[in-house]
PDB file of N, CA and C in Angstrom:
ATOM      1  N   MET A   1       0.841  -1.180   0.000  1.00  0.00           N
ATOM      2  CA  MET A   1       0.000   0.000   0.000  1.00  0.00           C
ATOM      3  C   MET A   1       0.888   1.247   0.000  1.00  0.00           C
ATOM      4  N   LYS A   2       0.530   2.210  -0.831  1.00  0.00           N
ATOM      5  CA  LYS A   2       1.286   3.455  -0.942  1.00  0.00           C
ATOM      6  C   LYS A   2       1.199   4.256   0.357  1.00  0.00           C
ATOM      7  N   LYS A   3       2.339   4.841   0.752  1.00  0.00           N
ATOM      8  CA  LYS A   3       2.403   5.705   1.930  1.00  0.00           C
ATOM      9  C   LYS A   3       3.058   7.022   1.528  1.00  0.00           C
ATOM     10  N   ALA A   4       2.746   8.070   2.281  1.00  0.00           N
ATOM     11  CA  ALA A   4       3.372   9.373   2.054  1.00  0.00           C
ATOM     12  C   ALA A   4       3.488  10.110   3.381  1.00  0.00           C
ATOM     13  N   VAL A   5       4.546  10.911   3.474  1.00  0.00           N
ATOM     14  CA  VAL A   5       4.765  11.757   4.648  1.00  0.00           C
ATOM     15  C   VAL A   5       5.110  13.150   4.137  1.00  0.00           C
ATOM     16  N   GLY A   6       4.459  14.158   4.699  1.00  0.00           N
ATOM     17  CA  GLY A   6       4.762  15.546   4.373  1.00  0.00           C
ATOM     18  C   GLY A   6       5.613  16.142   5.479  1.00  0.00           C
ATOM     19  N   ILE A   7       6.649  16.863   5.079  1.00  0.00           N
ATOM     20  CA  ILE A   7       7.577  17.460   6.038  1.00  0.00           C
ATOM     21  C   ILE A   7       7.648  18.961   5.779  1.00  0.00           C
ATOM     22  N   ARG A   8       7.735  19.725   6.861  1.00  0.00           N
ATOM     23  CA  ARG A   8       7.907  21.173   6.746  1.00  0.00           C
ATOM     24  C   ARG A   8       9.138  21.575   7.539  1.00  0.00           C
ATOM     25  N   TYR A   9       9.867  22.531   6.965  1.00  0.00           N
ATOM     26  CA  TYR A   9      10.950  23.154   7.727  1.00  0.00           C
ATOM     27  C   TYR A   9      11.016  24.621   7.350  1.00  0.00           C
ATOM     28  N   LYS A  10      10.677  25.459   8.298  1.00  0.00           N
ATOM     29  CA  LYS A  10      10.805  26.904   8.133  1.00  0.00           C
ATOM     30  C   LYS A  10      11.828  27.352   9.163  1.00  0.00           C
ATOM     31  N   GLU A  11      12.966  27.775   8.656  1.00  0.00           N
ATOM     32  CA  GLU A  11      14.101  28.094   9.529  1.00  0.00           C
ATOM     33  C   GLU A  11      13.732  29.082  10.634  1.00  0.00           C
ATOM     34  N   GLU A  12      12.918  30.080  10.296  1.00  0.00           N
ATOM     35  CA  GLU A  12      12.563  31.099  11.282  1.00  0.00           C
ATOM     36  C   GLU A  12      11.511  30.621  12.279  1.00  0.00           C
ATOM     37  N   LYS A  13      10.878  29.497  11.991  1.00  0.00           N
ATOM     38  CA  LYS A  13       9.769  29.026  12.824  1.00  0.00           C
ATOM     39  C   LYS A  13      10.037  27.685  13.520  1.00  0.00           C
ATOM     40  N   ASP A  14      10.747  26.794  12.845  1.00  0.00           N
ATOM     41  CA  ASP A  14      10.933  25.428  13.338  1.00  0.00           C
ATOM     42  C   ASP A  14      12.360  25.198  13.839  1.00  0.00           C
ATOM     43  N   ASN A  15      12.478  24.441  14.924  1.00  0.00           N
ATOM     44  CA  ASN A  15      13.802  24.038  15.414  1.00  0.00           C
ATOM     45  C   ASN A  15      14.400  22.964  14.521  1.00  0.00           C
ATOM     46  N   ALA A  16      13.547  22.143  13.942  1.00  0.00           N
ATOM     47  CA  ALA A  16      13.965  21.044  13.066  1.00  0.00           C
ATOM     48  C   ALA A  16      12.801  20.737  12.133  1.00  0.00           C
ATOM     49  N   PRO A  17      13.074  20.028  11.029  1.00  0.00           N
ATOM     50  CA  PRO A  17      11.959  19.620  10.172  1.00  0.00           C
ATOM     51  C   PRO A  17      10.944  18.811  10.974  1.00  0.00           C
ATOM     52  N   LYS A  18       9.669  18.980  10.635  1.00  0.00           N
ATOM     53  CA  LYS A  18       8.638  18.252  11.369  1.00  0.00           C
ATOM     54  C   LYS A  18       7.629  17.635  10.413  1.00  0.00           C
ATOM     55  N   ILE A  19       6.987  16.597  10.894  1.00  0.00           N
ATOM     56  CA  ILE A  19       5.958  15.897  10.135  1.00  0.00           C
ATOM     57  C   ILE A  19       4.695  16.756  10.146  1.00  0.00           C
ATOM     58  N   ILE A  20       4.160  17.061   8.952  1.00  0.00           N
ATOM     59  CA  ILE A  20       2.927  17.851   8.900  1.00  0.00           C
ATOM     60  C   ILE A  20       1.761  17.072   8.302  1.00  0.00           C
ATOM     61  N   ALA A  21       2.052  15.931   7.688  1.00  0.00           N
ATOM     62  CA  ALA A  21       0.988  15.093   7.129  1.00  0.00           C
ATOM     63  C   ALA A  21       1.532  13.694   6.929  1.00  0.00           C
ATOM     64  N   LYS A  22       0.652  12.716   7.043  1.00  0.00           N
ATOM     65  CA  LYS A  22       1.044  11.352   6.704  1.00  0.00           C
ATOM     66  C   LYS A  22      -0.214  10.545   6.444  1.00  0.00           C
ATOM     67  N   GLY A  23      -0.062   9.530   5.617  1.00  0.00           N
ATOM     68  CA  GLY A  23      -1.207   8.684   5.327  1.00  0.00           C
ATOM     69  C   GLY A  23      -0.817   7.556   4.402  1.00  0.00           C
ATOM     70  N   GLN A  24      -1.756   6.653   4.205  1.00  0.00           N
ATOM     71  CA  GLN A  24      -1.535   5.543   3.283  1.00  0.00           C
ATOM     72  C   GLN A  24      -2.757   5.382   2.397  1.00  0.00           C
ATOM     73  N   GLY A  25      -2.576   4.669   1.289  1.00  0.00           N
ATOM     74  CA  GLY A  25      -3.673   4.457   0.364  1.00  0.00           C
ATOM     75  C   GLY A  25      -4.149   5.764  -0.251  1.00  0.00           C
ATOM     76  N   LYS A  26      -5.452   5.996  -0.208  1.00  0.00           N
ATOM     77  CA  LYS A  26      -6.036   7.200  -0.809  1.00  0.00           C
ATOM     78  C   LYS A  26      -5.551   8.477  -0.127  1.00  0.00           C
ATOM     79  N   VAL A  27      -5.285   8.413   1.168  1.00  0.00           N
ATOM     80  CA  VAL A  27      -4.764   9.587   1.878  1.00  0.00           C
ATOM     81  C   VAL A  27      -3.371   9.925   1.349  1.00  0.00           C
ATOM     82  N   ALA A  28      -2.540   8.924   1.151  1.00  0.00           N
ATOM     83  CA  ALA A  28      -1.200   9.145   0.599  1.00  0.00           C
ATOM     84  C   ALA A  28      -1.296   9.751  -0.796  1.00  0.00           C
ATOM     85  N   GLU A  29      -2.198   9.228  -1.604  1.00  0.00           N
ATOM     86  CA  GLU A  29      -2.384   9.764  -2.954  1.00  0.00           C
ATOM     87  C   GLU A  29      -2.796  11.231  -2.902  1.00  0.00           C
ATOM     88  N   LYS A  30      -3.652  11.590  -1.958  1.00  0.00           N
ATOM     89  CA  LYS A  30      -4.105  12.980  -1.818  1.00  0.00           C
ATOM     90  C   LYS A  30      -2.958  13.878  -1.359  1.00  0.00           C
ATOM     91  N   ILE A  31      -2.132  13.402  -0.431  1.00  0.00           N
ATOM     92  CA  ILE A  31      -0.967  14.177   0.018  1.00  0.00           C
ATOM     93  C   ILE A  31      -0.057  14.472  -1.172  1.00  0.00           C
ATOM     94  N   ILE A  32       0.203  13.465  -1.983  1.00  0.00           N
ATOM     95  CA  ILE A  32       1.062  13.625  -3.159  1.00  0.00           C
ATOM     96  C   ILE A  32       0.413  14.569  -4.166  1.00  0.00           C
ATOM     97  N   GLU A  33      -0.871  14.414  -4.392  1.00  0.00           N
ATOM     98  CA  GLU A  33      -1.606  15.273  -5.328  1.00  0.00           C
ATOM     99  C   GLU A  33      -1.530  16.744  -4.895  1.00  0.00           C
ATOM    100  N   ILE A  34      -1.757  17.002  -3.623  1.00  0.00           N
ATOM    101  CA  ILE A  34      -1.703  18.376  -3.106  1.00  0.00           C
ATOM    102  C   ILE A  34      -0.293  18.942  -3.247  1.00  0.00           C
ATOM    103  N   ALA A  35       0.710  18.128  -2.954  1.00  0.00           N
ATOM    104  CA  ALA A  35       2.100  18.573  -3.104  1.00  0.00           C
ATOM    105  C   ALA A  35       2.379  18.952  -4.556  1.00  0.00           C
ATOM    106  N   GLU A  36       1.974  18.105  -5.486  1.00  0.00           N
ATOM    107  CA  GLU A  36       2.210  18.376  -6.906  1.00  0.00           C
ATOM    108  C   GLU A  36       1.474  19.633  -7.357  1.00  0.00           C
ATOM    109  N   GLU A  37       0.230  19.801  -6.923  1.00  0.00           N
ATOM    110  CA  GLU A  37      -0.555  20.984  -7.288  1.00  0.00           C
ATOM    111  C   GLU A  37       0.087  22.272  -6.784  1.00  0.00           C
ATOM    112  N   ASN A  38       0.812  22.184  -5.690  1.00  0.00           N
ATOM    113  CA  ASN A  38       1.434  23.358  -5.091  1.00  0.00           C
ATOM    114  C   ASN A  38       2.914  23.498  -5.424  1.00  0.00           C
ATOM    115  N   GLY A  39       3.387  22.702  -6.362  1.00  0.00           N
ATOM    116  CA  GLY A  39       4.775  22.804  -6.793  1.00  0.00           C
ATOM    117  C   GLY A  39       5.779  22.364  -5.749  1.00  0.00           C
ATOM    118  N   ILE A  40       5.341  21.512  -4.838  1.00  0.00           N
ATOM    119  CA  ILE A  40       6.231  21.011  -3.792  1.00  0.00           C
ATOM    120  C   ILE A  40       6.963  19.782  -4.323  1.00  0.00           C
ATOM    121  N   ASN A  41       8.281  19.803  -4.200  1.00  0.00           N
ATOM    122  CA  ASN A  41       9.081  18.679  -4.683  1.00  0.00           C
ATOM    123  C   ASN A  41       8.832  17.435  -3.845  1.00  0.00           C
ATOM    124  N   ILE A  42       8.870  16.301  -4.515  1.00  0.00           N
ATOM    125  CA  ILE A  42       8.649  15.015  -3.856  1.00  0.00           C
ATOM    126  C   ILE A  42       9.923  14.196  -3.967  1.00  0.00           C
ATOM    127  N   LYS A  43      10.381  13.708  -2.842  1.00  0.00           N
ATOM    128  CA  LYS A  43      11.572  12.849  -2.791  1.00  0.00           C
ATOM    129  C   LYS A  43      11.125  11.459  -2.390  1.00  0.00           C
ATOM    130  N   LYS A  44      11.453  10.483  -3.200  1.00  0.00           N
ATOM    131  CA  LYS A  44      11.069   9.101  -2.904  1.00  0.00           C
ATOM    132  C   LYS A  44      12.250   8.376  -2.264  1.00  0.00           C
ATOM    133  N   ASP A  45      12.046   7.941  -1.039  1.00  0.00           N
ATOM    134  CA  ASP A  45      13.065   7.202  -0.295  1.00  0.00           C
ATOM    135  C   ASP A  45      12.329   6.255   0.642  1.00  0.00           C
ATOM    136  N   LYS A  46      12.215   5.011   0.231  1.00  0.00           N
ATOM    137  CA  LYS A  46      11.406   4.033   0.959  1.00  0.00           C
ATOM    138  C   LYS A  46      11.882   3.827   2.400  1.00  0.00           C
ATOM    139  N   ASN A  47      13.193   3.752   2.598  1.00  0.00           N
ATOM    140  CA  ASN A  47      13.725   3.533   3.948  1.00  0.00           C
ATOM    141  C   ASN A  47      13.414   4.709   4.871  1.00  0.00           C
ATOM    142  N   LEU A  48      13.642   5.919   4.375  1.00  0.00           N
ATOM    143  CA  LEU A  48      13.348   7.101   5.176  1.00  0.00           C
ATOM    144  C   LEU A  48      11.845   7.207   5.435  1.00  0.00           C
ATOM    145  N   LEU A  49      11.050   6.902   4.441  1.00  0.00           N
ATOM    146  CA  LEU A  49       9.592   6.934   4.599  1.00  0.00           C
ATOM    147  C   LEU A  49       9.147   6.040   5.749  1.00  0.00           C
ATOM    148  N   GLU A  50       9.678   4.846   5.820  1.00  0.00           N
ATOM    149  CA  GLU A  50       9.275   3.913   6.880  1.00  0.00           C
ATOM    150  C   GLU A  50       9.618   4.456   8.269  1.00  0.00           C
ATOM    151  N   ILE A  51      10.756   5.121   8.385  1.00  0.00           N
ATOM    152  CA  ILE A  51      11.144   5.712   9.671  1.00  0.00           C
ATOM    153  C   ILE A  51      10.217   6.875  10.015  1.00  0.00           C
ATOM    154  N   LEU A  52      10.011   7.777   9.054  1.00  0.00           N
ATOM    155  CA  LEU A  52       9.194   8.960   9.304  1.00  0.00           C
ATOM    156  C   LEU A  52       7.732   8.605   9.535  1.00  0.00           C
ATOM    157  N   TYR A  53       7.265   7.554   8.884  1.00  0.00           N
ATOM    158  CA  TYR A  53       5.859   7.182   9.006  1.00  0.00           C
ATOM    159  C   TYR A  53       5.506   6.750  10.435  1.00  0.00           C
ATOM    160  N   LYS A  54       6.482   6.276  11.166  1.00  0.00           N
ATOM    161  CA  LYS A  54       6.255   5.847  12.552  1.00  0.00           C
ATOM    162  C   LYS A  54       6.118   7.035  13.510  1.00  0.00           C
ATOM    163  N   MET A  55       6.465   8.214  13.038  1.00  0.00           N
ATOM    164  CA  MET A  55       6.416   9.408  13.883  1.00  0.00           C
ATOM    165  C   MET A  55       5.010  10.003  13.891  1.00  0.00           C
ATOM    166  N   ASP A  56       4.759  10.858  14.871  1.00  0.00           N
ATOM    167  CA  ASP A  56       3.468  11.528  14.986  1.00  0.00           C
ATOM    168  C   ASP A  56       3.470  12.839  14.208  1.00  0.00           C
ATOM    169  N   ILE A  57       2.294  13.269  13.778  1.00  0.00           N
ATOM    170  CA  ILE A  57       2.158  14.570  13.132  1.00  0.00           C
ATOM    171  C   ILE A  57       2.548  15.646  14.145  1.00  0.00           C
ATOM    172  N   ALA A  58       3.262  16.648  13.671  1.00  0.00           N
ATOM    173  CA  ALA A  58       3.798  17.777  14.448  1.00  0.00           C
ATOM    174  C   ALA A  58       5.071  17.410  15.210  1.00  0.00           C
ATOM    175  N   GLU A  59       5.513  16.174  15.105  1.00  0.00           N
ATOM    176  CA  GLU A  59       6.746  15.750  15.775  1.00  0.00           C
ATOM    177  C   GLU A  59       7.957  16.154  14.937  1.00  0.00           C
ATOM    178  N   GLU A  60       8.980  16.700  15.603  1.00  0.00           N
ATOM    179  CA  GLU A  60      10.219  17.043  14.918  1.00  0.00           C
ATOM    180  C   GLU A  60      11.028  15.780  14.663  1.00  0.00           C
ATOM    181  N   ILE A  61      11.753  15.784  13.543  1.00  0.00           N
ATOM    182  CA  ILE A  61      12.567  14.608  13.248  1.00  0.00           C
ATOM    183  C   ILE A  61      13.675  14.499  14.290  1.00  0.00           C
ATOM    184  N   PRO A  62      14.107  13.279  14.607  1.00  0.00           N
ATOM    185  CA  PRO A  62      15.169  13.101  15.599  1.00  0.00           C
ATOM    186  C   PRO A  62      16.535  13.507  15.046  1.00  0.00           C
ATOM    187  N   GLU A  63      17.432  13.840  15.950  1.00  0.00           N
ATOM    188  CA  GLU A  63      18.776  14.273  15.558  1.00  0.00           C
ATOM    189  C   GLU A  63      19.479  13.264  14.660  1.00  0.00           C
ATOM    190  N   GLU A  64      19.197  11.989  14.855  1.00  0.00           N
ATOM    191  CA  GLU A  64      19.851  10.955  14.043  1.00  0.00           C
ATOM    192  C   GLU A  64      19.545  11.128  12.553  1.00  0.00           C
ATOM    193  N   LEU A  65      18.470  11.820  12.224  1.00  0.00           N
ATOM    194  CA  LEU A  65      18.085  12.002  10.821  1.00  0.00           C
ATOM    195  C   LEU A  65      18.478  13.369  10.265  1.00  0.00           C
ATOM    196  N   TYR A  66      19.109  14.215  11.065  1.00  0.00           N
ATOM    197  CA  TYR A  66      19.451  15.561  10.604  1.00  0.00           C
ATOM    198  C   TYR A  66      20.307  15.542   9.341  1.00  0.00           C
ATOM    199  N   GLU A  67      21.320  14.686   9.312  1.00  0.00           N
ATOM    200  CA  GLU A  67      22.224  14.662   8.157  1.00  0.00           C
ATOM    201  C   GLU A  67      21.484  14.243   6.889  1.00  0.00           C
ATOM    202  N   VAL A  68      20.692  13.201   6.989  1.00  0.00           N
ATOM    203  CA  VAL A  68      19.912  12.734   5.832  1.00  0.00           C
ATOM    204  C   VAL A  68      18.936  13.819   5.392  1.00  0.00           C
ATOM    205  N   MET A  69      18.256  14.433   6.350  1.00  0.00           N
ATOM    206  CA  MET A  69      17.281  15.466   6.027  1.00  0.00           C
ATOM    207  C   MET A  69      17.958  16.683   5.412  1.00  0.00           C
ATOM    208  N   ALA A  70      19.153  17.026   5.881  1.00  0.00           N
ATOM    209  CA  ALA A  70      19.891  18.154   5.309  1.00  0.00           C
ATOM    210  C   ALA A  70      20.218  17.887   3.844  1.00  0.00           C
ATOM    211  N   GLU A  71      20.603  16.662   3.523  1.00  0.00           N
ATOM    212  CA  GLU A  71      20.889  16.300   2.135  1.00  0.00           C
ATOM    213  C   GLU A  71      19.635  16.425   1.278  1.00  0.00           C
ATOM    214  N   ILE A  72      18.516  15.966   1.794  1.00  0.00           N
ATOM    215  CA  ILE A  72      17.256  16.040   1.049  1.00  0.00           C
ATOM    216  C   ILE A  72      16.838  17.492   0.854  1.00  0.00           C
ATOM    217  N   LEU A  73      16.913  18.292   1.905  1.00  0.00           N
ATOM    218  CA  LEU A  73      16.530  19.698   1.789  1.00  0.00           C
ATOM    219  C   LEU A  73      17.434  20.443   0.815  1.00  0.00           C
ATOM    220  N   THR A  74      18.724  20.145   0.823  1.00  0.00           N
ATOM    221  CA  THR A  74      19.649  20.759  -0.129  1.00  0.00           C
ATOM    222  C   THR A  74      19.252  20.394  -1.553  1.00  0.00           C
ATOM    223  N   TYR A  75      18.942  19.142  -1.782  1.00  0.00           N
ATOM    224  CA  TYR A  75      18.494  18.665  -3.096  1.00  0.00           C
ATOM    225  C   TYR A  75      17.236  19.418  -3.534  1.00  0.00           C
ATOM    226  N   ILE A  76      16.279  19.549  -2.638  1.00  0.00           N
ATOM    227  CA  ILE A  76      15.012  20.210  -2.965  1.00  0.00           C
ATOM    228  C   ILE A  76      15.228  21.697  -3.219  1.00  0.00           C
ATOM    229  N   TYR A  77      16.038  22.357  -2.404  1.00  0.00           N
ATOM    230  CA  TYR A  77      16.308  23.780  -2.615  1.00  0.00           C
ATOM    231  C   TYR A  77      16.967  24.011  -3.969  1.00  0.00           C
ATOM    232  N   ARG A  78      17.860  23.123  -4.370  1.00  0.00           N
ATOM    233  CA  ARG A  78      18.513  23.257  -5.683  1.00  0.00           C
ATOM    234  C   ARG A  78      17.503  23.092  -6.810  1.00  0.00           C
ATOM    235  N   LEU A  79      16.586  22.142  -6.669  1.00  0.00           N
ATOM    236  CA  LEU A  79      15.535  21.983  -7.675  1.00  0.00           C
ATOM    237  C   LEU A  79      14.677  23.237  -7.765  1.00  0.00           C
ATOM    238  N   ASP A  80      14.344  23.808  -6.623  1.00  0.00           N
ATOM    239  CA  ASP A  80      13.545  25.038  -6.601  1.00  0.00           C
ATOM    240  C   ASP A  80      14.264  26.175  -7.312  1.00  0.00           C
ATOM    241  N   GLU A  81      15.574  26.299  -7.088  1.00  0.00           N
ATOM    242  CA  GLU A  81      16.353  27.356  -7.732  1.00  0.00           C
ATOM    243  C   GLU A  81      16.377  27.176  -9.242  1.00  0.00           C
ATOM    244  N   LYS A  82      16.472  25.945  -9.710  1.00  0.00           N
ATOM    245  CA  LYS A  82      16.494  25.682 -11.147  1.00  0.00           C
ATOM    246  C   LYS A  82      15.167  26.040 -11.805  1.00  0.00           C
ATOM    247  N   ARG A  83      14.082  25.908 -11.074  1.00  0.00           N
ATOM    248  CA  ARG A  83      12.758  26.236 -11.614  1.00  0.00           C
ATOM    249  C   ARG A  83      12.563  27.731 -11.804  1.00  0.00           C
ATOM    250  N   ARG A  84      13.294  28.522 -11.049  1.00  0.00           N
ATOM    251  CA  ARG A  84      13.107  29.983 -11.097  1.00  0.00           C
ATOM    252  C   ARG A  84      13.817  30.597 -12.234  1.00  0.00           C
TER     253      ARG A  84
END
């Protein structure tokens, strides 16, 4: 079954990236659809998804994932810059 997790990180507001949405099946499809409609980049990483999916909504990612998340955010920021 398809799963999706939405993450937000606003440097001025958040101490660390946090889970803002998660779901499976039709909910996951809707999360992905909304992200695409809003021009939000989607990163597919099955292993990371499984870890993040176990977390609660509004929960900040643990320090152990900071390095991985930094790499993903850097990748996404670069994609955003190329679009402009």
